[in-house]
Structures are given as structure tokens and as C-alpha cells.
């Protein structure tokens, strides 16, 4: 008899079908688009989520549980990075999140831009090039920051000669 018990214990554990379902029915996948002045580190503070925490709380009318286990896709309005957070707990005044996917930064550093800066124009949803000497917009309508930096580099090269 002990031999049969040992044999039963050695069998691999198996997931029951009731615990296997399509993700869109089991857990939420949310998206947060951050303003350009907000950093990824800001998202890790529970208080950062105070204005949306109620959207992930228990729904008393339907009995739907809170959205712990949700995944939040985090990106910036200027498309500078993408990351993913896992919601570990939902509170009245915020969310407890953990990093699932570290930020993937897409934009290069502005290191070769003497005399110019780039900025994200929220209203136009485009990047612009600003001349530092007088703060004047000298070029704009760039969808991605790399294009604005390329314009700066080409303009500096043309000015040199």
C-alpha cells in the first residue's frame, strides 16, 4: 500500500479546466498614457493612481471582484517609452503595482543639439524644435522625436558648411 501512495504523490500536478480561461474574461488589460512631464517612477507610487482606483474596485451591484491581477500598459503621449505594470492590490486611494516589463525607451538623448531643444506639443500631438536663443519654434510637425533631432543635426551640419 505505501508503494501505491508514493506512486500517486509522484504524479505531476494538473491545472483544472475551470482555472483556464480567455484573458479578456478573467483579467483586465488597461492602458495609461502619461503626460510628457510624468516619469515612469511616478507610476510606481500608489497615490499616483488615486483618480482611477475606483475604476478597478469591487462592483457591488454586479458582485464583480476588484481588478487585482490587471495589467496596465504604460506609455507616454510623445511615444518616448512603453512599459507594463501588474496590479497587485486595489485600494480606495491608489493601486499597488509591480513592474512586469521595464520601460523600453525609444527616443535618443538630446546630446547633439547645441542651440536647439525639442518639445512635445500636446495640442498638435507633434514634436517641435525650439531655438534656445529666443525660444522660437523653428520647425515642427514631427511625429517622433528622432525626426526632430535629425532636423536639428541636418540644420547644424548645413550651417557649418
C-alpha atoms as a PDB file:
ATOM      1  CA  UNK A   1       0.000   0.000   0.000  1.00  0.00           C
ATOM      2  CA  UNK A   2       2.756   2.538   0.716  1.00  0.00           C
ATOM      3  CA  UNK A   3       4.020   1.895  -2.809  1.00  0.00           C
ATOM      4  CA  UNK A   4       0.680   2.999  -4.327  1.00  0.00           C
ATOM      5  CA  UNK A   5       0.635   6.175  -2.199  1.00  0.00           C
ATOM      6  CA  UNK A   6       4.174   7.048  -3.307  1.00  0.00           C
ATOM      7  CA  UNK A   7       3.245   6.475  -6.933  1.00  0.00           C
ATOM      8  CA  UNK A   8       0.213   8.766  -6.571  1.00  0.00           C
ATOM      9  CA  UNK A   9       2.323  11.524  -4.969  1.00  0.00           C
ATOM     10  CA  UNK A  10       4.842  11.475  -7.790  1.00  0.00           C
ATOM     11  CA  UNK A  11       2.296  12.287 -10.475  1.00  0.00           C
ATOM     12  CA  UNK A  12       2.620  15.833 -11.846  1.00  0.00           C
ATOM     13  CA  UNK A  13       0.065  18.406 -10.752  1.00  0.00           C
ATOM     14  CA  UNK A  14      -2.507  19.349 -13.362  1.00  0.00           C
ATOM     15  CA  UNK A  15      -4.447  22.566 -13.864  1.00  0.00           C
ATOM     16  CA  UNK A  16      -8.206  22.113 -13.683  1.00  0.00           C
ATOM     17  CA  UNK A  17     -10.175  23.450 -16.650  1.00  0.00           C
ATOM     18  CA  UNK A  18     -12.208  25.875 -14.509  1.00  0.00           C
ATOM     19  CA  UNK A  19      -8.968  27.804 -13.827  1.00  0.00           C
ATOM     20  CA  UNK A  20      -8.129  28.182 -17.509  1.00  0.00           C
ATOM     21  CA  UNK A  21      -9.980  30.838 -19.480  1.00  0.00           C
ATOM     22  CA  UNK A  22      -9.527  33.571 -22.022  1.00  0.00           C
ATOM     23  CA  UNK A  23      -7.661  36.528 -20.555  1.00  0.00           C
ATOM     24  CA  UNK A  24     -10.164  39.132 -21.685  1.00  0.00           C
ATOM     25  CA  UNK A  25     -12.797  37.467 -19.477  1.00  0.00           C
ATOM     26  CA  UNK A  26     -10.579  36.783 -16.484  1.00  0.00           C
ATOM     27  CA  UNK A  27      -8.424  39.892 -16.077  1.00  0.00           C
ATOM     28  CA  UNK A  28      -8.436  43.436 -17.323  1.00  0.00           C
ATOM     29  CA  UNK A  29      -5.798  44.906 -19.595  1.00  0.00           C
ATOM     30  CA  UNK A  30      -5.748  48.677 -19.210  1.00  0.00           C
ATOM     31  CA  UNK A  31      -3.806  51.452 -20.887  1.00  0.00           C
ATOM     32  CA  UNK A  32      -2.352  54.576 -19.263  1.00  0.00           C
ATOM     33  CA  UNK A  33      -0.981  57.360 -21.461  1.00  0.00           C
ATOM     34  CA  UNK A  34       1.233  59.617 -19.391  1.00  0.00           C
ATOM     35  CA  UNK A  35       1.770  63.323 -19.993  1.00  0.00           C
ATOM     36  CA  UNK A  36       5.361  64.047 -21.039  1.00  0.00           C
ATOM     37  CA  UNK A  37       6.233  65.588 -17.656  1.00  0.00           C
ATOM     38  CA  UNK A  38       5.376  62.364 -15.770  1.00  0.00           C
ATOM     39  CA  UNK A  39       8.101  59.772 -15.273  1.00  0.00           C
ATOM     40  CA  UNK A  40       7.767  56.018 -15.096  1.00  0.00           C
ATOM     41  CA  UNK A  41       8.908  56.146 -11.473  1.00  0.00           C
ATOM     42  CA  UNK A  42       5.850  58.303 -10.687  1.00  0.00           C
ATOM     43  CA  UNK A  43       3.640  55.356 -11.735  1.00  0.00           C
ATOM     44  CA  UNK A  44       5.107  53.132  -9.068  1.00  0.00           C
ATOM     45  CA  UNK A  45       3.650  55.256  -6.242  1.00  0.00           C
ATOM     46  CA  UNK A  46       0.228  54.012  -5.066  1.00  0.00           C
ATOM     47  CA  UNK A  47      -1.037  57.618  -4.792  1.00  0.00           C
ATOM     48  CA  UNK A  48      -0.353  58.202  -8.492  1.00  0.00           C
ATOM     49  CA  UNK A  49      -3.426  56.082  -9.277  1.00  0.00           C
ATOM     50  CA  UNK A  50      -5.827  57.807  -6.835  1.00  0.00           C
ATOM     51  CA  UNK A  51      -8.014  59.286  -9.615  1.00  0.00           C
ATOM     52  CA  UNK A  52      -8.621  55.942 -11.315  1.00  0.00           C
ATOM     53  CA  UNK A  53      -8.518  53.452  -8.420  1.00  0.00           C
ATOM     54  CA  UNK A  54     -12.320  53.433  -8.251  1.00  0.00           C
ATOM     55  CA  UNK A  55     -12.430  52.023 -11.805  1.00  0.00           C
ATOM     56  CA  UNK A  56     -10.701  48.864 -10.590  1.00  0.00           C
ATOM     57  CA  UNK A  57     -12.545  48.428  -7.291  1.00  0.00           C
ATOM     58  CA  UNK A  58     -15.258  45.880  -6.471  1.00  0.00           C
ATOM     59  CA  UNK A  59     -18.546  46.471  -8.270  1.00  0.00           C
ATOM     60  CA  UNK A  60     -21.170  45.922  -5.539  1.00  0.00           C
ATOM     61  CA  UNK A  61     -24.177  45.884  -7.891  1.00  0.00           C
ATOM     62  CA  UNK A  62     -22.889  43.031 -10.028  1.00  0.00           C
ATOM     63  CA  UNK A  63     -20.681  41.370  -7.441  1.00  0.00           C
ATOM     64  CA  UNK A  64     -17.721  41.679  -9.785  1.00  0.00           C
ATOM     65  CA  UNK A  65     -14.450  41.458  -7.831  1.00  0.00           C
ATOM     66  CA  UNK A  66     -11.765  44.125  -7.919  1.00  0.00           C
ATOM     67  CA  UNK A  67      -9.320  44.125 -10.794  1.00  0.00           C
ATOM     68  CA  UNK A  68      -6.283  42.893  -8.916  1.00  0.00           C
ATOM     69  CA  UNK A  69      -4.281  40.991 -11.497  1.00  0.00           C
ATOM     70  CA  UNK A  70      -4.930  43.553 -14.217  1.00  0.00           C
ATOM     71  CA  UNK A  71      -2.099  44.588 -16.486  1.00  0.00           C
ATOM     72  CA  UNK A  72      -1.583  48.274 -17.187  1.00  0.00           C
ATOM     73  CA  UNK A  73       0.219  49.222 -20.374  1.00  0.00           C
ATOM     74  CA  UNK A  74       2.085  52.458 -19.692  1.00  0.00           C
ATOM     75  CA  UNK A  75       3.190  54.769 -22.490  1.00  0.00           C
ATOM     76  CA  UNK A  76       3.801  58.471 -22.920  1.00  0.00           C
ATOM     77  CA  UNK A  77       1.896  60.876 -25.121  1.00  0.00           C
ATOM     78  CA  UNK A  78       5.092  61.548 -27.096  1.00  0.00           C
ATOM     79  CA  UNK A  79       5.797  57.809 -27.553  1.00  0.00           C
ATOM     80  CA  UNK A  80       9.058  58.007 -25.598  1.00  0.00           C
ATOM     81  CA  UNK A  81       8.632  54.651 -23.811  1.00  0.00           C
ATOM     82  CA  UNK A  82       6.427  51.626 -23.228  1.00  0.00           C
ATOM     83  CA  UNK A  83       6.193  49.508 -20.061  1.00  0.00           C
ATOM     84  CA  UNK A  84       3.786  47.156 -18.294  1.00  0.00           C
ATOM     85  CA  UNK A  85       2.627  47.058 -14.684  1.00  0.00           C
ATOM     86  CA  UNK A  86       0.844  44.311 -12.759  1.00  0.00           C
ATOM     87  CA  UNK A  87      -1.881  45.415 -10.324  1.00  0.00           C
ATOM     88  CA  UNK A  88      -1.234  43.532  -7.090  1.00  0.00           C
ATOM     89  CA  UNK A  89      -3.856  45.283  -4.960  1.00  0.00           C
ATOM     90  CA  UNK A  90      -6.628  47.849  -5.338  1.00  0.00           C
ATOM     91  CA  UNK A  91      -7.201  50.334  -2.513  1.00  0.00           C
ATOM     92  CA  UNK A  92      -9.557  53.290  -2.079  1.00  0.00           C
ATOM     93  CA  UNK A  93      -6.746  55.771  -2.555  1.00  0.00           C
ATOM     94  CA  UNK A  94      -4.484  54.020  -5.054  1.00  0.00           C
ATOM     95  CA  UNK A  95      -3.069  50.878  -6.582  1.00  0.00           C
ATOM     96  CA  UNK A  96      -0.188  48.664  -5.554  1.00  0.00           C
ATOM     97  CA  UNK A  97       1.662  47.822  -8.766  1.00  0.00           C
ATOM     98  CA  UNK A  98       4.771  45.880  -9.718  1.00  0.00           C
ATOM     99  CA  UNK A  99       6.825  46.186 -12.871  1.00  0.00           C
ATOM    100  CA  UNK A 100       6.193  43.376 -15.349  1.00  0.00           C
ATOM    101  CA  UNK A 101       8.063  44.900 -18.258  1.00  0.00           C
ATOM    102  CA  UNK A 102      10.669  47.597 -17.631  1.00  0.00           C
ATOM    103  CA  UNK A 103      10.312  50.752 -19.740  1.00  0.00           C
ATOM    104  CA  UNK A 104      11.593  50.406 -23.275  1.00  0.00           C
ATOM    105  CA  UNK A 105      12.784  53.877 -24.271  1.00  0.00           C
ATOM    106  CA  UNK A 106      12.531  54.725 -27.951  1.00  0.00           C
ATOM    107  CA  UNK A 107      13.956  58.229 -28.120  1.00  0.00           C
ATOM    108  CA  UNK A 108      17.641  59.066 -28.246  1.00  0.00           C
ATOM    109  CA  UNK A 109      19.219  61.516 -25.857  1.00  0.00           C
ATOM    110  CA  UNK A 110      19.398  65.124 -26.978  1.00  0.00           C
ATOM    111  CA  UNK A 111      23.158  65.316 -26.907  1.00  0.00           C
ATOM    112  CA  UNK A 112      23.993  66.794 -30.316  1.00  0.00           C
ATOM    113  CA  UNK A 113      21.625  69.726 -30.236  1.00  0.00           C
ATOM    114  CA  UNK A 114      23.577  72.866 -29.265  1.00  0.00           C
ATOM    115  CA  UNK A 115      21.334  75.864 -29.735  1.00  0.00           C
ATOM    116  CA  UNK A 116      18.114  73.838 -30.054  1.00  0.00           C
ATOM    117  CA  UNK A 117      15.658  71.904 -27.884  1.00  0.00           C
ATOM    118  CA  UNK A 118      12.765  69.668 -28.783  1.00  0.00           C
ATOM    119  CA  UNK A 119       9.416  69.654 -27.054  1.00  0.00           C
ATOM    120  CA  UNK A 120       6.172  67.753 -27.336  1.00  0.00           C
ATOM    121  CA  UNK A 121       3.254  69.971 -28.369  1.00  0.00           C
ATOM    122  CA  UNK A 122       0.284  68.434 -26.574  1.00  0.00           C
ATOM    123  CA  UNK A 123      -2.351  70.232 -28.689  1.00  0.00           C
ATOM    124  CA  UNK A 124      -0.816  69.295 -32.029  1.00  0.00           C
ATOM    125  CA  UNK A 125       0.373  65.893 -30.769  1.00  0.00           C
ATOM    126  CA  UNK A 126       3.680  66.516 -32.523  1.00  0.00           C
ATOM    127  CA  UNK A 127       7.290  67.352 -31.663  1.00  0.00           C
ATOM    128  CA  UNK A 128       8.677  70.823 -32.313  1.00  0.00           C
ATOM    129  CA  UNK A 129      12.188  72.264 -32.479  1.00  0.00           C
ATOM    130  CA  UNK A 130      12.812  75.354 -30.353  1.00  0.00           C
ATOM    131  CA  UNK A 131      15.767  77.720 -30.832  1.00  0.00           C
ATOM    132  CA  UNK A 132      17.310  78.281 -27.384  1.00  0.00           C
ATOM    133  CA  UNK A 133      18.415  81.869 -28.001  1.00  0.00           C
ATOM    134  CA  UNK A 134      14.898  83.291 -28.397  1.00  0.00           C
ATOM    135  CA  UNK A 135      12.623  80.330 -27.544  1.00  0.00           C
ATOM    136  CA  UNK A 136      11.098  80.481 -31.030  1.00  0.00           C
ATOM    137  CA  UNK A 137       9.635  77.446 -32.809  1.00  0.00           C
ATOM    138  CA  UNK A 138      11.807  76.932 -35.882  1.00  0.00           C
ATOM    139  CA  UNK A 139      10.426  73.585 -37.053  1.00  0.00           C
ATOM    140  CA  UNK A 140       7.552  71.360 -36.115  1.00  0.00           C
ATOM    141  CA  UNK A 141       5.083  68.669 -37.039  1.00  0.00           C
ATOM    142  CA  UNK A 142       7.451  65.779 -36.289  1.00  0.00           C
ATOM    143  CA  UNK A 143       5.623  62.606 -35.298  1.00  0.00           C
ATOM    144  CA  UNK A 144       8.593  61.173 -33.427  1.00  0.00           C
ATOM    145  CA  UNK A 145      11.440  62.826 -31.548  1.00  0.00           C
ATOM    146  CA  UNK A 146      14.064  61.158 -33.732  1.00  0.00           C
ATOM    147  CA  UNK A 147      12.791  63.150 -36.729  1.00  0.00           C
ATOM    148  CA  UNK A 148      13.090  66.419 -34.804  1.00  0.00           C
ATOM    149  CA  UNK A 149      16.633  65.529 -33.738  1.00  0.00           C
ATOM    150  CA  UNK A 150      17.512  64.586 -37.296  1.00  0.00           C
ATOM    151  CA  UNK A 151      16.287  68.003 -38.473  1.00  0.00           C
ATOM    152  CA  UNK A 152      18.486  69.664 -35.827  1.00  0.00           C
ATOM    153  CA  UNK A 153      21.551  67.657 -36.878  1.00  0.00           C
ATOM    154  CA  UNK A 154      20.988  68.408 -40.582  1.00  0.00           C
ATOM    155  CA  UNK A 155      20.470  72.108 -39.858  1.00  0.00           C
ATOM    156  CA  UNK A 156      23.658  72.303 -37.761  1.00  0.00           C
ATOM    157  CA  UNK A 157      25.601  70.460 -40.481  1.00  0.00           C
ATOM    158  CA  UNK A 158      24.266  72.870 -43.143  1.00  0.00           C
ATOM    159  CA  UNK A 159      25.229  75.899 -41.007  1.00  0.00           C
ATOM    160  CA  UNK A 160      28.780  74.572 -40.573  1.00  0.00           C
ATOM    161  CA  UNK A 161      29.258  74.269 -44.147  1.00  0.00           C
END
